[in-house]
């Protein structure tokens, strides 16, 4: 009988609030290094109370906007323990938003597609020192909830911070990486240059060695003085002869050597007489000469 207009009432589905933004280092209590290693923020308890009243899509993902600098990014939420009116962000996220301590940050809930592809560019050549970069990145992204194209994320490995530029994500400009199967690619690090390899012919010409160049002038082999056990000096004076440059032959290194490969090189002299008969090549047993212990004509 009485219509109060409740038939068309719908519960709001959008969370859109402004907070004062601070870095994790400003969070009261113990140091929270786990927040710095990830891509999630800390919000006040009132935000959780408001979110539970809304028909939002889980997992909770948020769009963070700095209207003053016209910069935006996306993140998940780690805890609801911040002071009222404040949110705490990782420092690398504040750098992406170009926001200072205490700046106004707009936070609204978002629904993002599941990631299928991403491409990263390391900001330092030190990233090449990591043995398995994909495994390291996969382990670091477990602390993230989403990725935004254009962001520079920071990961920690062996107590060292590496920054990675998110060059591309699919299927959208921002994607969720929670329970997803995502293909990852890496671009060349900033400042990296491909090594220049010379052709084999040029290398051989540059490495050509003249044995005469290594032969010292007037080199005397075995010029040292000997010592006898009986203390006499007879026969201990050296009589070396000077060797010319052509008399010294030095080995030339194998420039085609590869790690793990062993090459056996032998100098085989071929017989000068190529007209050997088959009889000469046949094996003849017991052709040696014997030696007697007692000489002929000795004591009778």
Protein backbone atom coordinates (compact mmCIF):
# COMPACT_ATOMS: atom_id res chain seq x y z
CA UNK A 1 0.00 0.00 0.00
CA UNK A 2 2.78 2.38 0.82
CA UNK A 3 5.65 2.53 -1.68
CA UNK A 4 8.89 3.76 -0.23
CA UNK A 5 10.99 3.17 -3.37
CA UNK A 6 13.15 0.31 -1.99
CA UNK A 7 12.52 -1.87 -5.05
CA UNK A 8 15.19 -0.14 -7.10
CA UNK A 9 17.77 0.10 -4.31
CA UNK A 10 21.13 -1.53 -5.05
CA UNK A 11 24.13 -1.83 -2.77
CA UNK A 12 27.14 0.15 -4.02
CA UNK A 13 29.86 -1.89 -5.71
CA UNK A 14 32.61 0.75 -5.90
CA UNK A 15 35.20 1.60 -3.30
CA UNK A 16 36.66 5.04 -3.91
CA UNK A 17 38.43 6.84 -1.06
CA UNK A 18 41.31 9.27 -0.60
CA UNK A 19 44.07 8.68 1.93
CA UNK A 20 47.31 10.24 3.07
CA UNK A 21 50.14 8.21 1.56
CA UNK A 22 53.30 7.21 3.45
CA UNK A 23 56.16 4.81 2.83
CA UNK A 24 56.49 1.59 4.81
CA UNK A 25 59.40 3.01 6.79
CA UNK A 26 56.92 5.40 8.46
CA UNK A 27 54.73 2.53 9.69
CA UNK A 28 54.65 2.40 13.52
CA UNK A 29 56.05 -0.69 15.17
CA UNK A 30 58.69 -3.10 13.98
CA UNK A 31 60.36 -2.78 10.61
CA UNK A 32 58.29 -4.39 7.83
CA UNK A 33 60.81 -5.40 5.19
CA UNK A 34 58.34 -7.91 3.77
CA UNK A 35 56.17 -5.03 2.51
CA UNK A 36 59.10 -3.45 0.67
CA UNK A 37 59.81 -6.73 -1.16
CA UNK A 38 56.32 -6.94 -2.63
CA UNK A 39 53.60 -5.04 -4.43
CA UNK A 40 50.90 -4.80 -1.76
CA UNK A 41 49.80 -1.93 0.50
CA UNK A 42 48.58 -1.60 4.09
CA UNK A 43 45.17 0.04 4.61
CA UNK A 44 43.18 1.13 7.70
CA UNK A 45 40.57 -1.16 9.36
CA UNK A 46 37.72 1.12 8.24
CA UNK A 47 38.55 0.20 4.64
CA UNK A 48 38.01 -3.49 5.42
CA UNK A 49 34.67 -2.70 7.06
CA UNK A 50 33.57 -0.75 4.01
CA UNK A 51 34.79 -3.38 1.55
CA UNK A 52 32.88 -6.17 3.28
CA UNK A 53 29.64 -4.22 2.74
CA UNK A 54 30.26 -4.02 -1.01
CA UNK A 55 29.73 -6.60 -3.72
CA UNK A 56 33.38 -6.52 -4.84
CA UNK A 57 35.26 -9.16 -6.80
CA UNK A 58 37.94 -11.12 -4.99
CA UNK A 59 40.91 -11.05 -4.74
CA UNK A 60 40.92 -7.41 -3.63
CA UNK A 61 42.84 -5.33 -6.16
CA UNK A 62 43.07 -1.56 -6.13
CA UNK A 63 43.86 1.23 -8.54
CA UNK A 64 46.10 3.89 -6.99
CA UNK A 65 46.02 7.34 -8.59
CA UNK A 66 48.05 10.46 -7.94
CA UNK A 67 45.90 13.09 -9.64
CA UNK A 68 48.44 15.79 -9.01
CA UNK A 69 51.06 14.08 -11.22
CA UNK A 70 48.55 12.16 -13.37
CA UNK A 71 50.20 8.85 -12.48
CA UNK A 72 48.52 5.58 -11.60
CA UNK A 73 49.38 1.98 -10.73
CA UNK A 74 47.71 -1.10 -9.26
CA UNK A 75 48.31 -3.15 -6.14
CA UNK A 76 46.86 -5.68 -3.73
CA UNK A 77 46.35 -5.30 -0.01
CA UNK A 78 48.47 -7.05 2.61
CA UNK A 79 46.89 -6.00 5.92
CA UNK A 80 44.31 -3.61 7.38
CA UNK A 81 46.34 -2.28 10.32
CA UNK A 82 47.19 1.26 9.22
CA UNK A 83 46.11 4.37 11.11
CA UNK A 84 42.81 5.84 10.01
CA UNK A 85 43.11 8.09 7.01
CA UNK A 86 46.53 6.67 6.02
CA UNK A 87 47.89 4.03 3.68
CA UNK A 88 51.43 2.68 3.56
CA UNK A 89 53.11 1.80 0.25
CA UNK A 90 56.45 0.25 -0.77
CA UNK A 91 58.96 2.93 -1.62
CA UNK A 92 59.36 1.80 -5.25
CA UNK A 93 55.60 2.23 -5.72
CA UNK A 94 55.73 5.78 -4.38
CA UNK A 95 58.48 6.54 -6.90
CA UNK A 96 56.29 5.29 -9.74
CA UNK A 97 53.43 7.51 -8.56
CA UNK A 98 55.75 10.53 -8.09
CA UNK A 99 54.14 11.16 -4.71
CA UNK A 100 55.79 12.48 -1.56
CA UNK A 101 55.26 11.55 2.08
CA UNK A 102 51.81 12.69 3.19
CA UNK A 103 50.50 13.23 -0.33
CA UNK A 104 46.88 12.64 -1.26
CA UNK A 105 46.32 9.26 -2.91
CA UNK A 106 43.06 8.07 -4.42
CA UNK A 107 42.32 4.37 -3.86
CA UNK A 108 39.54 2.53 -5.68
CA UNK A 109 38.85 -1.14 -6.16
CA UNK A 110 39.56 -2.68 -9.55
CA UNK A 111 38.92 -5.89 -11.46
CA UNK A 112 41.86 -6.97 -13.63
CA UNK A 113 42.26 -9.79 -16.17
CA UNK A 114 44.56 -12.71 -15.43
CA UNK A 115 48.05 -12.29 -16.90
CA UNK A 116 49.24 -14.47 -19.78
CA UNK A 117 52.43 -12.65 -20.84
CA UNK A 118 54.88 -10.09 -19.46
CA UNK A 119 58.17 -8.58 -20.59
CA UNK A 120 60.74 -6.99 -18.28
CA UNK A 121 63.83 -4.86 -18.85
CA UNK A 122 66.47 -4.87 -16.09
CA UNK A 123 67.70 -1.40 -15.21
CA UNK A 124 71.24 -2.59 -14.49
CA UNK A 125 73.70 -4.97 -16.14
CA UNK A 126 74.24 -6.61 -12.74
CA UNK A 127 71.06 -8.58 -13.39
CA UNK A 128 73.03 -10.68 -15.90
CA UNK A 129 75.09 -12.11 -13.04
CA UNK A 130 72.05 -14.06 -11.79
CA UNK A 131 72.30 -17.69 -12.86
CA UNK A 132 68.56 -18.35 -13.29
CA UNK A 133 66.75 -14.99 -13.60
CA UNK A 134 63.33 -16.49 -14.40
CA UNK A 135 63.34 -18.57 -11.23
CA UNK A 136 64.41 -15.55 -9.18
CA UNK A 137 61.68 -13.40 -10.72
CA UNK A 138 59.04 -16.09 -10.20
CA UNK A 139 59.93 -16.35 -6.53
CA UNK A 140 59.87 -12.55 -6.11
CA UNK A 141 56.50 -12.10 -7.86
CA UNK A 142 54.83 -14.28 -5.24
CA UNK A 143 54.69 -11.15 -3.09
CA UNK A 144 52.91 -9.21 -5.85
CA UNK A 145 49.24 -9.22 -6.77
CA UNK A 146 49.27 -7.39 -10.09
CA UNK A 147 51.48 -5.69 -12.68
CA UNK A 148 51.00 -2.40 -14.51
CA UNK A 149 52.61 -1.52 -17.83
CA UNK A 150 55.24 1.19 -17.41
CA UNK A 151 55.99 0.52 -13.74
CA UNK A 152 59.50 -0.08 -12.43
CA UNK A 153 59.24 -2.84 -9.83
CA UNK A 154 61.96 -3.71 -7.34
CA UNK A 155 62.92 -7.25 -6.32
CA UNK A 156 65.50 -8.39 -3.78
CA UNK A 157 67.95 -11.24 -4.34
CA UNK A 158 71.02 -12.05 -2.23
CA UNK A 159 70.52 -8.86 -0.24
CA UNK A 160 70.69 -6.77 -3.42
CA UNK A 161 67.85 -4.79 -4.99
CA UNK A 162 67.22 -5.14 -8.74
CA UNK A 163 64.84 -2.84 -10.60
CA UNK A 164 62.85 -4.14 -13.57
CA UNK A 165 60.84 -2.05 -16.01
CA UNK A 166 57.50 -3.63 -16.98
CA UNK A 167 57.62 -3.09 -20.74
CA UNK A 168 54.58 -5.14 -21.73
CA UNK A 169 51.77 -7.14 -20.14
CA UNK A 170 48.91 -9.07 -21.71
CA UNK A 171 45.95 -9.13 -22.10
CA UNK A 172 45.60 -5.57 -20.75
CA UNK A 173 47.51 -2.53 -19.51
CA UNK A 174 47.27 -3.94 -15.97
CA UNK A 175 46.92 -7.63 -15.09
CA UNK A 176 46.47 -9.86 -12.07
CA UNK A 177 49.25 -12.40 -11.41
CA UNK A 178 47.51 -14.39 -8.67
CA UNK A 179 47.33 -18.10 -9.58
CA UNK A 180 48.18 -17.58 -13.24
CA UNK A 181 50.29 -19.24 -15.94
CA UNK A 182 52.32 -16.34 -17.33
CA UNK A 183 55.05 -16.39 -19.97
CA UNK A 184 58.00 -14.14 -19.12
CA UNK A 185 60.55 -12.53 -21.42
CA UNK A 186 63.54 -10.28 -20.72
CA UNK A 187 64.85 -7.41 -22.80
CA UNK A 188 68.51 -6.38 -22.83
CA UNK A 189 69.46 -4.43 -19.68
CA UNK A 190 69.83 -0.67 -19.87
CA UNK A 191 73.30 0.21 -21.15
CA UNK A 192 74.09 -3.31 -22.34
CA UNK A 193 76.06 -3.66 -25.59
CA UNK A 194 76.50 -6.83 -27.57
CA UNK A 195 80.14 -7.98 -27.74
CA UNK A 196 81.81 -7.50 -31.13
CA UNK A 197 83.19 -10.71 -32.59
CA UNK A 198 85.88 -10.51 -35.29
CA UNK A 199 85.95 -12.80 -38.29
CA UNK A 200 88.13 -15.88 -38.14
CA UNK A 201 90.45 -14.75 -40.95
CA UNK A 202 91.13 -11.39 -39.27
CA UNK A 203 91.78 -13.11 -35.98
CA UNK A 204 94.28 -15.53 -37.52
CA UNK A 205 96.12 -12.68 -39.22
CA UNK A 206 96.37 -10.73 -35.99
CA UNK A 207 97.51 -13.80 -34.07
CA UNK A 208 100.16 -14.85 -36.58
CA UNK A 209 103.39 -15.42 -34.66
CA UNK A 210 106.89 -15.21 -36.02
CA UNK A 211 109.10 -17.56 -34.03
CA UNK A 212 112.11 -15.38 -34.71
CA UNK A 213 110.51 -12.50 -32.79
CA UNK A 214 110.59 -14.53 -29.59
CA UNK A 215 114.20 -15.66 -29.90
CA UNK A 216 116.48 -13.44 -27.78
CA UNK A 217 119.67 -12.27 -29.40
CA UNK A 218 122.76 -14.14 -28.23
CA UNK A 219 120.78 -16.63 -26.14
CA UNK A 220 123.04 -19.14 -24.37
CA UNK A 221 121.46 -22.46 -23.50
CA UNK A 222 122.66 -24.19 -20.30
CA UNK A 223 124.93 -21.34 -19.30
CA UNK A 224 124.82 -22.18 -15.60
CA UNK A 225 127.68 -23.65 -13.62
CA UNK A 226 127.59 -27.20 -12.27
CA UNK A 227 128.73 -28.59 -8.91
CA UNK A 228 130.27 -31.99 -8.28
CA UNK A 229 129.55 -34.12 -5.26
CA UNK A 230 133.25 -34.65 -4.56
CA UNK A 231 133.90 -30.90 -4.41
CA UNK A 232 136.27 -30.78 -7.38
CA UNK A 233 136.03 -28.02 -9.96
CA UNK A 234 137.09 -30.09 -12.95
CA UNK A 235 134.51 -30.20 -15.71
CA UNK A 236 132.14 -27.72 -14.08
CA UNK A 237 132.86 -24.70 -16.27
CA UNK A 238 130.14 -24.29 -18.92
CA UNK A 239 130.98 -23.94 -22.58
CA UNK A 240 127.72 -22.67 -24.09
CA UNK A 241 127.31 -21.65 -27.67
CA UNK A 242 125.16 -18.78 -28.81
CA UNK A 243 122.02 -19.82 -30.66
CA UNK A 244 120.61 -17.86 -33.53
CA UNK A 245 117.01 -16.80 -33.88
CA UNK A 246 116.26 -19.61 -36.31
CA UNK A 247 117.64 -22.30 -34.01
CA UNK A 248 114.90 -21.84 -31.42
CA UNK A 249 111.49 -23.28 -32.20
CA UNK A 250 108.65 -22.43 -29.92
CA UNK A 251 105.23 -23.97 -29.89
CA UNK A 252 102.31 -21.96 -31.22
CA UNK A 253 99.17 -22.08 -28.99
CA UNK A 254 95.97 -23.57 -30.32
CA UNK A 255 93.72 -20.56 -30.87
CA UNK A 256 90.77 -22.80 -31.74
CA UNK A 257 90.77 -24.37 -28.27
CA UNK A 258 87.35 -24.85 -26.73
CA UNK A 259 86.63 -25.52 -23.10
CA UNK A 260 86.08 -29.23 -22.44
CA UNK A 261 87.79 -30.36 -25.68
CA UNK A 262 91.06 -32.26 -25.61
CA UNK A 263 93.19 -32.33 -28.78
CA UNK A 264 96.12 -34.70 -29.21
CA UNK A 265 98.66 -33.41 -31.73
CA UNK A 266 101.62 -35.57 -32.71
CA UNK A 267 104.46 -34.85 -35.08
CA UNK A 268 104.75 -37.93 -37.31
CA UNK A 269 107.74 -38.16 -39.64
CA UNK A 270 107.05 -39.86 -42.88
CA UNK A 271 109.76 -42.10 -44.38
CA UNK A 272 111.74 -40.44 -47.15
CA UNK A 273 111.87 -43.60 -49.25
CA UNK A 274 108.38 -44.11 -50.54
CA UNK A 275 109.33 -47.15 -52.60
CA UNK A 276 109.43 -49.69 -49.80
CA UNK A 277 108.80 -53.26 -50.68
CA UNK A 278 106.35 -55.47 -48.97
CA UNK A 279 109.22 -57.63 -47.71
CA UNK A 280 110.61 -54.70 -45.71
CA UNK A 281 107.27 -54.17 -44.09
CA UNK A 282 106.86 -57.81 -43.05
CA UNK A 283 107.42 -58.59 -39.40
CA UNK A 284 110.61 -60.57 -38.66
CA UNK A 285 110.76 -62.05 -35.16
CA UNK A 286 113.96 -62.66 -33.15
CA UNK A 287 116.13 -60.39 -35.29
CA UNK A 288 117.91 -58.73 -32.38
CA UNK A 289 121.50 -59.38 -31.26
CA UNK A 290 122.27 -61.13 -28.01
CA UNK A 291 124.85 -60.04 -25.42
CA UNK A 292 127.00 -62.42 -23.39
CA UNK A 293 127.96 -61.67 -19.81
CA UNK A 294 131.42 -63.25 -20.22
CA UNK A 295 133.69 -61.99 -22.95
CA UNK A 296 135.66 -64.29 -25.12
CA UNK A 297 139.33 -64.62 -24.32
CA UNK A 298 138.86 -64.05 -20.65
CA UNK A 299 140.49 -65.85 -17.75
CA UNK A 300 140.58 -69.64 -18.19
